Amino acid sequence: MTEQTNTGAAEQDNNPQFSLQRIYVRDLSFEAPKTPEIFRQEWQPSVSMDLNTRQKQLEGDFFEVVLTVSVTVKNKEETAFIAEVQQAGIFLAKGLDPASMSHTLGAFCPNILFPYARETLDSLVVRGSFPALMLSPVNFDALYAQELARMQAAEQAPSVQ
């Protein structure tokens, strides 16, 4: 009976495990350089968004993943505001093969973090007295695949000497 219990525990240790430990704001920034004049203009915004992710291994099988979302909104040619959040999470990822670990940290975790970053930015912008910022969902799986393809193409490109 004891042998079966130990074997079951050993098998459980080898099974892939993933869990979210904590989600938090690592950094937050808001700048509205043209206030109050910008509030007196007709509102014709153009929005640009930049995304970046990074991850680092903490102790053992714990990883921090940081999703940075930077938004610049211009009204005609003037910058109305710049908002940025570094939304972070601590994740347990254990027993994954290297490809699965890379995908988990590079796409799956950012997919979890993005709704939190989106809500944080929206709240920040509204507090700045601007209209709500409704960012469209992002397909991090597609972005991850594009980045892999770009890296593979760079490896296959002939080096210039």
N, C-alpha and C. Protein backbone atom coordinates (compact mmCIF):
# COMPACT_ATOMS: atom_id res chain seq x y z
N MET A 1 0.82 -1.19 0.00
CA MET A 1 0.00 0.00 0.00
C MET A 1 0.87 1.25 0.00
N THR A 2 1.91 1.24 0.78
CA THR A 2 2.80 2.39 0.84
C THR A 2 3.46 2.64 -0.51
N GLU A 3 3.85 1.57 -1.21
CA GLU A 3 4.50 1.72 -2.50
C GLU A 3 3.58 2.43 -3.50
N GLN A 4 2.29 2.08 -3.50
CA GLN A 4 1.35 2.73 -4.42
C GLN A 4 1.23 4.22 -4.12
N THR A 5 1.19 4.57 -2.86
CA THR A 5 1.08 5.98 -2.47
C THR A 5 2.32 6.74 -2.93
N ASN A 6 3.50 6.17 -2.71
CA ASN A 6 4.73 6.84 -3.13
C ASN A 6 4.80 6.97 -4.64
N THR A 7 4.40 5.93 -5.35
CA THR A 7 4.40 5.98 -6.81
C THR A 7 3.45 7.06 -7.30
N GLY A 8 2.29 7.15 -6.69
CA GLY A 8 1.33 8.18 -7.07
C GLY A 8 1.89 9.57 -6.85
N ALA A 9 2.59 9.78 -5.75
CA ALA A 9 3.20 11.09 -5.47
C ALA A 9 4.30 11.38 -6.47
N ALA A 10 5.09 10.38 -6.84
CA ALA A 10 6.16 10.57 -7.82
C ALA A 10 5.58 10.92 -9.18
N GLU A 11 4.50 10.25 -9.56
CA GLU A 11 3.86 10.55 -10.85
C GLU A 11 3.30 11.97 -10.85
N GLN A 12 2.74 12.39 -9.72
CA GLN A 12 2.18 13.73 -9.64
C GLN A 12 3.29 14.78 -9.80
N ASP A 13 4.47 14.51 -9.25
CA ASP A 13 5.59 15.44 -9.39
C ASP A 13 6.03 15.58 -10.84
N ASN A 14 5.87 14.54 -11.64
CA ASN A 14 6.27 14.57 -13.05
C ASN A 14 5.22 15.17 -13.96
N ASN A 15 3.97 15.23 -13.50
CA ASN A 15 2.90 15.80 -14.33
C ASN A 15 3.08 17.30 -14.44
N PRO A 16 2.80 17.86 -15.61
CA PRO A 16 2.88 19.31 -15.76
C PRO A 16 1.91 20.01 -14.80
N GLN A 17 2.38 21.08 -14.21
CA GLN A 17 1.56 21.87 -13.30
C GLN A 17 1.67 23.33 -13.67
N PHE A 18 0.55 24.04 -13.56
CA PHE A 18 0.53 25.48 -13.80
C PHE A 18 -0.49 26.10 -12.87
N SER A 19 -0.11 27.18 -12.21
CA SER A 19 -1.08 27.91 -11.40
C SER A 19 -0.65 29.36 -11.25
N LEU A 20 -1.64 30.19 -11.13
CA LEU A 20 -1.44 31.62 -10.92
C LEU A 20 -1.29 31.84 -9.42
N GLN A 21 -0.23 32.54 -9.03
CA GLN A 21 0.01 32.80 -7.62
C GLN A 21 -0.43 34.20 -7.21
N ARG A 22 -0.17 35.20 -8.09
CA ARG A 22 -0.49 36.58 -7.75
C ARG A 22 -0.45 37.43 -9.01
N ILE A 23 -1.35 38.44 -9.06
CA ILE A 23 -1.35 39.44 -10.12
C ILE A 23 -1.23 40.80 -9.46
N TYR A 24 -0.38 41.65 -10.01
CA TYR A 24 -0.15 42.96 -9.40
C TYR A 24 0.32 43.98 -10.44
N VAL A 25 0.18 45.25 -10.08
CA VAL A 25 0.71 46.34 -10.91
C VAL A 25 2.13 46.60 -10.45
N ARG A 26 3.07 46.48 -11.38
CA ARG A 26 4.48 46.70 -11.06
C ARG A 26 4.86 48.17 -11.24
N ASP A 27 4.28 48.82 -12.27
CA ASP A 27 4.56 50.23 -12.52
C ASP A 27 3.37 50.82 -13.26
N LEU A 28 3.11 52.10 -13.04
CA LEU A 28 1.95 52.76 -13.64
C LEU A 28 2.33 54.20 -13.92
N SER A 29 1.96 54.69 -15.11
CA SER A 29 2.32 56.05 -15.49
C SER A 29 1.21 56.68 -16.32
N PHE A 30 0.97 57.96 -16.08
CA PHE A 30 -0.02 58.72 -16.86
C PHE A 30 0.50 60.13 -17.02
N GLU A 31 0.47 60.61 -18.26
CA GLU A 31 0.92 61.97 -18.55
C GLU A 31 -0.05 62.60 -19.54
N ALA A 32 -0.53 63.79 -19.23
CA ALA A 32 -1.43 64.54 -20.10
C ALA A 32 -0.81 65.93 -20.32
N PRO A 33 0.12 66.04 -21.26
CA PRO A 33 0.91 67.27 -21.39
C PRO A 33 0.15 68.49 -21.90
N LYS A 34 -0.96 68.32 -22.55
CA LYS A 34 -1.68 69.45 -23.16
C LYS A 34 -2.94 69.85 -22.40
N THR A 35 -3.06 69.41 -21.15
CA THR A 35 -4.23 69.84 -20.38
C THR A 35 -3.96 71.22 -19.81
N PRO A 36 -4.93 72.04 -19.62
CA PRO A 36 -6.35 71.84 -19.85
C PRO A 36 -6.80 72.19 -21.27
N GLU A 37 -5.89 72.72 -22.10
CA GLU A 37 -6.27 73.17 -23.44
C GLU A 37 -6.90 72.06 -24.28
N ILE A 38 -6.42 70.83 -24.13
CA ILE A 38 -6.91 69.71 -24.94
C ILE A 38 -8.40 69.45 -24.70
N PHE A 39 -8.91 69.80 -23.51
CA PHE A 39 -10.32 69.57 -23.20
C PHE A 39 -11.25 70.54 -23.94
N ARG A 40 -10.70 71.59 -24.49
CA ARG A 40 -11.51 72.60 -25.18
C ARG A 40 -11.54 72.38 -26.69
N GLN A 41 -10.88 71.32 -27.15
CA GLN A 41 -10.83 71.01 -28.58
C GLN A 41 -11.85 69.93 -28.92
N GLU A 42 -12.21 69.89 -30.20
CA GLU A 42 -13.06 68.79 -30.67
C GLU A 42 -12.26 67.49 -30.53
N TRP A 43 -12.90 66.46 -30.02
CA TRP A 43 -12.22 65.20 -29.72
C TRP A 43 -12.22 64.29 -30.93
N GLN A 44 -11.05 64.14 -31.56
CA GLN A 44 -10.84 63.25 -32.70
C GLN A 44 -9.58 62.42 -32.43
N PRO A 45 -9.70 61.44 -31.55
CA PRO A 45 -8.50 60.73 -31.10
C PRO A 45 -7.98 59.70 -32.09
N SER A 46 -6.67 59.53 -32.05
CA SER A 46 -6.03 58.38 -32.70
C SER A 46 -5.21 57.69 -31.62
N VAL A 47 -5.33 56.37 -31.57
CA VAL A 47 -4.73 55.59 -30.49
C VAL A 47 -3.64 54.69 -31.06
N SER A 48 -2.49 54.69 -30.42
CA SER A 48 -1.45 53.72 -30.76
C SER A 48 -1.08 52.97 -29.48
N MET A 49 -0.83 51.69 -29.64
CA MET A 49 -0.55 50.84 -28.49
C MET A 49 0.70 50.01 -28.77
N ASP A 50 1.56 49.94 -27.77
CA ASP A 50 2.75 49.09 -27.84
C ASP A 50 2.66 48.06 -26.72
N LEU A 51 3.05 46.83 -27.05
CA LEU A 51 3.05 45.73 -26.09
C LEU A 51 4.45 45.17 -25.95
N ASN A 52 4.78 44.74 -24.75
CA ASN A 52 6.05 44.09 -24.53
C ASN A 52 5.87 43.11 -23.37
N THR A 53 6.53 41.98 -23.44
CA THR A 53 6.50 41.04 -22.33
C THR A 53 7.92 40.66 -21.97
N ARG A 54 8.08 40.34 -20.72
CA ARG A 54 9.36 39.78 -20.27
C ARG A 54 9.06 38.83 -19.12
N GLN A 55 9.94 37.89 -18.94
CA GLN A 55 9.76 36.95 -17.86
C GLN A 55 11.10 36.63 -17.24
N LYS A 56 11.05 36.30 -15.97
CA LYS A 56 12.26 35.86 -15.28
C LYS A 56 11.89 34.77 -14.30
N GLN A 57 12.82 33.86 -14.14
CA GLN A 57 12.60 32.78 -13.19
C GLN A 57 12.91 33.28 -11.79
N LEU A 58 12.02 33.01 -10.89
CA LEU A 58 12.23 33.31 -9.49
C LEU A 58 12.80 32.04 -8.87
N GLU A 59 12.56 31.78 -7.63
CA GLU A 59 13.08 30.55 -7.03
C GLU A 59 12.28 29.35 -7.52
N GLY A 60 12.98 28.24 -7.70
CA GLY A 60 12.32 26.98 -8.08
C GLY A 60 11.55 27.08 -9.37
N ASP A 61 10.29 26.69 -9.31
CA ASP A 61 9.43 26.64 -10.50
C ASP A 61 8.51 27.86 -10.60
N PHE A 62 8.87 28.94 -9.94
CA PHE A 62 8.07 30.16 -9.96
C PHE A 62 8.67 31.15 -10.94
N PHE A 63 7.78 31.82 -11.70
CA PHE A 63 8.21 32.77 -12.71
C PHE A 63 7.41 34.05 -12.58
N GLU A 64 8.08 35.17 -12.82
CA GLU A 64 7.39 36.45 -12.92
C GLU A 64 7.28 36.78 -14.40
N VAL A 65 6.07 37.11 -14.83
CA VAL A 65 5.83 37.56 -16.20
C VAL A 65 5.30 38.99 -16.09
N VAL A 66 5.91 39.89 -16.87
CA VAL A 66 5.51 41.30 -16.86
C VAL A 66 5.04 41.67 -18.26
N LEU A 67 3.82 42.14 -18.34
CA LEU A 67 3.25 42.64 -19.59
C LEU A 67 3.22 44.16 -19.50
N THR A 68 3.90 44.83 -20.43
CA THR A 68 3.90 46.28 -20.48
C THR A 68 2.99 46.71 -21.62
N VAL A 69 2.02 47.54 -21.31
CA VAL A 69 1.10 48.09 -22.31
C VAL A 69 1.26 49.61 -22.25
N SER A 70 1.70 50.18 -23.38
CA SER A 70 1.87 51.64 -23.50
C SER A 70 0.89 52.15 -24.54
N VAL A 71 0.14 53.18 -24.16
CA VAL A 71 -0.87 53.75 -25.06
C VAL A 71 -0.58 55.24 -25.21
N THR A 72 -0.54 55.68 -26.46
CA THR A 72 -0.41 57.10 -26.76
C THR A 72 -1.65 57.50 -27.54
N VAL A 73 -2.34 58.53 -27.04
CA VAL A 73 -3.54 59.02 -27.71
C VAL A 73 -3.28 60.46 -28.15
N LYS A 74 -3.47 60.68 -29.44
CA LYS A 74 -3.31 62.02 -30.00
C LYS A 74 -4.67 62.54 -30.43
N ASN A 75 -4.86 63.82 -30.24
CA ASN A 75 -6.05 64.50 -30.75
C ASN A 75 -5.55 65.39 -31.87
N LYS A 76 -5.90 65.00 -33.09
CA LYS A 76 -5.32 65.61 -34.29
C LYS A 76 -3.82 65.36 -34.21
N GLU A 77 -2.99 66.38 -34.10
CA GLU A 77 -1.54 66.17 -34.06
C GLU A 77 -0.95 66.27 -32.65
N GLU A 78 -1.76 66.69 -31.68
CA GLU A 78 -1.25 66.90 -30.33
C GLU A 78 -1.44 65.66 -29.46
N THR A 79 -0.45 65.38 -28.64
CA THR A 79 -0.56 64.25 -27.71
C THR A 79 -1.52 64.63 -26.60
N ALA A 80 -2.61 63.90 -26.51
CA ALA A 80 -3.59 64.13 -25.45
C ALA A 80 -3.11 63.50 -24.15
N PHE A 81 -2.69 62.22 -24.24
CA PHE A 81 -2.14 61.56 -23.05
C PHE A 81 -1.32 60.35 -23.44
N ILE A 82 -0.47 59.98 -22.52
CA ILE A 82 0.34 58.77 -22.62
C ILE A 82 0.09 58.00 -21.32
N ALA A 83 -0.30 56.76 -21.45
CA ALA A 83 -0.55 55.92 -20.27
C ALA A 83 0.20 54.60 -20.45
N GLU A 84 0.77 54.13 -19.36
CA GLU A 84 1.51 52.88 -19.41
C GLU A 84 1.33 52.12 -18.11
N VAL A 85 1.17 50.81 -18.25
CA VAL A 85 1.10 49.94 -17.09
C VAL A 85 2.02 48.74 -17.32
N GLN A 86 2.69 48.35 -16.26
CA GLN A 86 3.41 47.08 -16.23
C GLN A 86 2.59 46.17 -15.32
N GLN A 87 1.80 45.32 -15.95
CA GLN A 87 0.96 44.37 -15.22
C GLN A 87 1.77 43.09 -15.07
N ALA A 88 1.91 42.61 -13.86
CA ALA A 88 2.78 41.46 -13.62
C ALA A 88 2.02 40.35 -12.90
N GLY A 89 2.59 39.18 -13.00
CA GLY A 89 2.03 38.03 -12.31
C GLY A 89 3.12 37.07 -11.92
N ILE A 90 2.87 36.34 -10.86
CA ILE A 90 3.76 35.26 -10.45
C ILE A 90 3.02 33.96 -10.74
N PHE A 91 3.69 33.09 -11.47
CA PHE A 91 3.09 31.84 -11.92
C PHE A 91 3.97 30.66 -11.51
N LEU A 92 3.33 29.57 -11.16
CA LEU A 92 4.02 28.31 -10.95
C LEU A 92 3.89 27.52 -12.25
N ALA A 93 5.03 27.15 -12.81
CA ALA A 93 5.04 26.34 -14.04
C ALA A 93 6.07 25.24 -13.83
N LYS A 94 5.58 24.01 -13.79
CA LYS A 94 6.43 22.89 -13.41
C LYS A 94 6.18 21.71 -14.34
N GLY A 95 7.25 21.03 -14.73
CA GLY A 95 7.12 19.80 -15.49
C GLY A 95 6.78 20.00 -16.96
N LEU A 96 6.99 21.20 -17.48
CA LEU A 96 6.69 21.46 -18.90
C LEU A 96 7.95 21.27 -19.73
N ASP A 97 7.79 20.73 -20.94
CA ASP A 97 8.93 20.64 -21.84
C ASP A 97 9.31 22.06 -22.28
N PRO A 98 10.52 22.27 -22.80
CA PRO A 98 10.97 23.63 -23.14
C PRO A 98 10.04 24.39 -24.08
N ALA A 99 9.49 23.75 -25.09
CA ALA A 99 8.58 24.44 -26.01
C ALA A 99 7.30 24.87 -25.32
N SER A 100 6.76 23.99 -24.49
CA SER A 100 5.54 24.33 -23.76
C SER A 100 5.79 25.43 -22.73
N MET A 101 6.95 25.38 -22.09
CA MET A 101 7.30 26.42 -21.11
C MET A 101 7.42 27.77 -21.81
N SER A 102 8.07 27.79 -22.95
CA SER A 102 8.23 29.03 -23.71
C SER A 102 6.86 29.60 -24.12
N HIS A 103 5.99 28.75 -24.62
CA HIS A 103 4.65 29.19 -25.03
C HIS A 103 3.84 29.67 -23.82
N THR A 104 3.94 28.95 -22.72
CA THR A 104 3.19 29.32 -21.51
C THR A 104 3.61 30.71 -21.03
N LEU A 105 4.91 30.94 -20.92
CA LEU A 105 5.40 32.23 -20.42
C LEU A 105 5.27 33.34 -21.46
N GLY A 106 5.36 32.99 -22.74
CA GLY A 106 5.34 34.00 -23.80
C GLY A 106 3.98 34.36 -24.34
N ALA A 107 2.98 33.49 -24.15
CA ALA A 107 1.65 33.76 -24.71
C ALA A 107 0.53 33.52 -23.70
N PHE A 108 0.55 32.39 -23.03
CA PHE A 108 -0.55 32.05 -22.12
C PHE A 108 -0.62 33.03 -20.94
N CYS A 109 0.51 33.29 -20.30
CA CYS A 109 0.52 34.22 -19.16
C CYS A 109 0.14 35.64 -19.57
N PRO A 110 0.68 36.18 -20.68
CA PRO A 110 0.22 37.51 -21.11
C PRO A 110 -1.28 37.56 -21.42
N ASN A 111 -1.84 36.46 -21.92
CA ASN A 111 -3.29 36.40 -22.14
C ASN A 111 -4.05 36.54 -20.81
N ILE A 112 -3.51 36.01 -19.75
CA ILE A 112 -4.12 36.15 -18.43
C ILE A 112 -3.99 37.58 -17.92
N LEU A 113 -2.83 38.19 -18.14
CA LEU A 113 -2.55 39.52 -17.59
C LEU A 113 -3.25 40.66 -18.35
N PHE A 114 -3.48 40.49 -19.65
CA PHE A 114 -3.99 41.61 -20.45
C PHE A 114 -5.31 42.20 -19.96
N PRO A 115 -6.31 41.42 -19.60
CA PRO A 115 -7.55 42.04 -19.11
C PRO A 115 -7.34 42.93 -17.89
N TYR A 116 -6.42 42.55 -17.02
CA TYR A 116 -6.12 43.38 -15.85
C TYR A 116 -5.45 44.68 -16.28
N ALA A 117 -4.50 44.59 -17.22
CA ALA A 117 -3.82 45.79 -17.72
C ALA A 117 -4.82 46.70 -18.42
N ARG A 118 -5.70 46.13 -19.18
CA ARG A 118 -6.71 46.90 -19.91
C ARG A 118 -7.62 47.67 -18.95
N GLU A 119 -8.07 47.00 -17.90
CA GLU A 119 -8.93 47.65 -16.92
C GLU A 119 -8.18 48.75 -16.16
N THR A 120 -6.93 48.49 -15.82
CA THR A 120 -6.12 49.48 -15.10
C THR A 120 -5.93 50.73 -15.95
N LEU A 121 -5.61 50.56 -17.24
CA LEU A 121 -5.44 51.71 -18.12
C LEU A 121 -6.74 52.47 -18.30
N ASP A 122 -7.84 51.77 -18.47
CA ASP A 122 -9.13 52.42 -18.65
C ASP A 122 -9.46 53.28 -17.43
N SER A 123 -9.28 52.74 -16.25
CA SER A 123 -9.55 53.47 -15.02
C SER A 123 -8.65 54.70 -14.89
N LEU A 124 -7.39 54.54 -15.25
CA LEU A 124 -6.43 55.64 -15.18
C LEU A 124 -6.82 56.78 -16.12
N VAL A 125 -7.20 56.44 -17.34
CA VAL A 125 -7.57 57.43 -18.34
C VAL A 125 -8.84 58.18 -17.92
N VAL A 126 -9.81 57.47 -17.40
CA VAL A 126 -11.05 58.10 -16.93
C VAL A 126 -10.75 59.06 -15.78
N ARG A 127 -9.84 58.69 -14.90
CA ARG A 127 -9.46 59.58 -13.80
C ARG A 127 -8.76 60.83 -14.32
N GLY A 128 -8.16 60.74 -15.49
CA GLY A 128 -7.56 61.91 -16.13
C GLY A 128 -8.57 62.78 -16.85
N SER A 129 -9.84 62.41 -16.77
CA SER A 129 -10.98 63.13 -17.35
C SER A 129 -11.07 62.98 -18.87
N PHE A 130 -10.56 61.87 -19.37
CA PHE A 130 -10.68 61.56 -20.79
C PHE A 130 -11.75 60.48 -20.97
N PRO A 131 -12.27 60.33 -22.19
CA PRO A 131 -13.24 59.25 -22.44
C PRO A 131 -12.61 57.88 -22.17
N ALA A 132 -13.45 56.93 -21.81
CA ALA A 132 -12.98 55.58 -21.51
C ALA A 132 -12.15 55.03 -22.67
N LEU A 133 -11.12 54.31 -22.32
CA LEU A 133 -10.21 53.71 -23.30
C LEU A 133 -10.56 52.24 -23.41
N MET A 134 -11.21 51.87 -24.49
CA MET A 134 -11.64 50.48 -24.66
C MET A 134 -10.68 49.79 -25.63
N LEU A 135 -9.61 49.23 -25.10
CA LEU A 135 -8.63 48.54 -25.93
C LEU A 135 -9.20 47.21 -26.42
N SER A 136 -8.94 46.91 -27.66
CA SER A 136 -9.39 45.64 -28.24
C SER A 136 -8.59 44.49 -27.65
N PRO A 137 -9.19 43.31 -27.60
CA PRO A 137 -8.44 42.13 -27.15
C PRO A 137 -7.22 41.90 -28.04
N VAL A 138 -6.23 41.25 -27.48
CA VAL A 138 -4.98 40.95 -28.19
C VAL A 138 -4.80 39.44 -28.24
N ASN A 139 -4.42 38.92 -29.39
CA ASN A 139 -4.16 37.49 -29.54
C ASN A 139 -2.67 37.25 -29.32
N PHE A 140 -2.30 36.95 -28.09
CA PHE A 140 -0.89 36.74 -27.76
C PHE A 140 -0.35 35.45 -28.37
N ASP A 141 -1.22 34.48 -28.66
CA ASP A 141 -0.76 33.26 -29.34
C ASP A 141 -0.26 33.61 -30.74
N ALA A 142 -0.98 34.47 -31.44
CA ALA A 142 -0.56 34.87 -32.79
C ALA A 142 0.72 35.71 -32.72
N LEU A 143 0.82 36.61 -31.75
CA LEU A 143 2.04 37.41 -31.60
C LEU A 143 3.24 36.53 -31.28
N TYR A 144 3.02 35.53 -30.44
CA TYR A 144 4.08 34.59 -30.09
C TYR A 144 4.54 33.81 -31.32
N ALA A 145 3.59 33.35 -32.12
CA ALA A 145 3.93 32.61 -33.35
C ALA A 145 4.71 33.50 -34.32
N GLN A 146 4.31 34.76 -34.45
CA GLN A 146 5.02 35.70 -35.32
C GLN A 146 6.46 35.91 -34.84
N GLU A 147 6.62 36.03 -33.53
CA GLU A 147 7.96 36.23 -32.97
C GLU A 147 8.83 35.00 -33.19
N LEU A 148 8.27 33.81 -33.03
CA LEU A 148 9.03 32.58 -33.31
C LEU A 148 9.45 32.53 -34.77
N ALA A 149 8.55 32.87 -35.68
CA ALA A 149 8.86 32.86 -37.11
C ALA A 149 9.95 33.89 -37.42
N ARG A 150 9.86 35.05 -36.80
CA ARG A 150 10.87 36.09 -37.02
C ARG A 150 12.24 35.62 -36.52
N MET A 151 12.28 34.97 -35.36
CA MET A 151 13.54 34.48 -34.81
C MET A 151 14.13 33.37 -35.68
N GLN A 152 13.25 32.49 -36.19
CA GLN A 152 13.74 31.41 -37.06
C GLN A 152 14.28 31.99 -38.37
N ALA A 153 13.63 32.98 -38.93
CA ALA A 153 14.10 33.62 -40.16
C ALA A 153 15.43 34.31 -39.93
N ALA A 154 15.60 34.93 -38.77
CA ALA A 154 16.86 35.60 -38.45
C ALA A 154 17.99 34.60 -38.31
N GLU A 155 17.70 33.41 -37.76
CA GLU A 155 18.73 32.37 -37.63
C GLU A 155 19.14 31.83 -38.98
N GLN A 156 18.20 31.77 -39.93
CA GLN A 156 18.48 31.21 -41.25
C GLN A 156 19.09 32.22 -42.20
N ALA A 157 19.00 33.49 -41.86
CA ALA A 157 19.55 34.53 -42.73
C ALA A 157 21.08 34.43 -42.74
N PRO A 158 21.69 34.59 -43.91
CA PRO A 158 23.15 34.53 -43.97
C PRO A 158 23.77 35.71 -43.22
N SER A 159 24.82 35.43 -42.50
CA SER A 159 25.48 36.51 -41.75
C SER A 159 26.38 37.30 -42.68
N VAL A 160 26.44 38.60 -42.46
CA VAL A 160 27.28 39.49 -43.25
C VAL A 160 28.62 39.59 -42.54
N GLN A 161 29.70 39.38 -43.31
CA GLN A 161 31.00 39.41 -42.70
C GLN A 161 31.83 40.54 -43.22
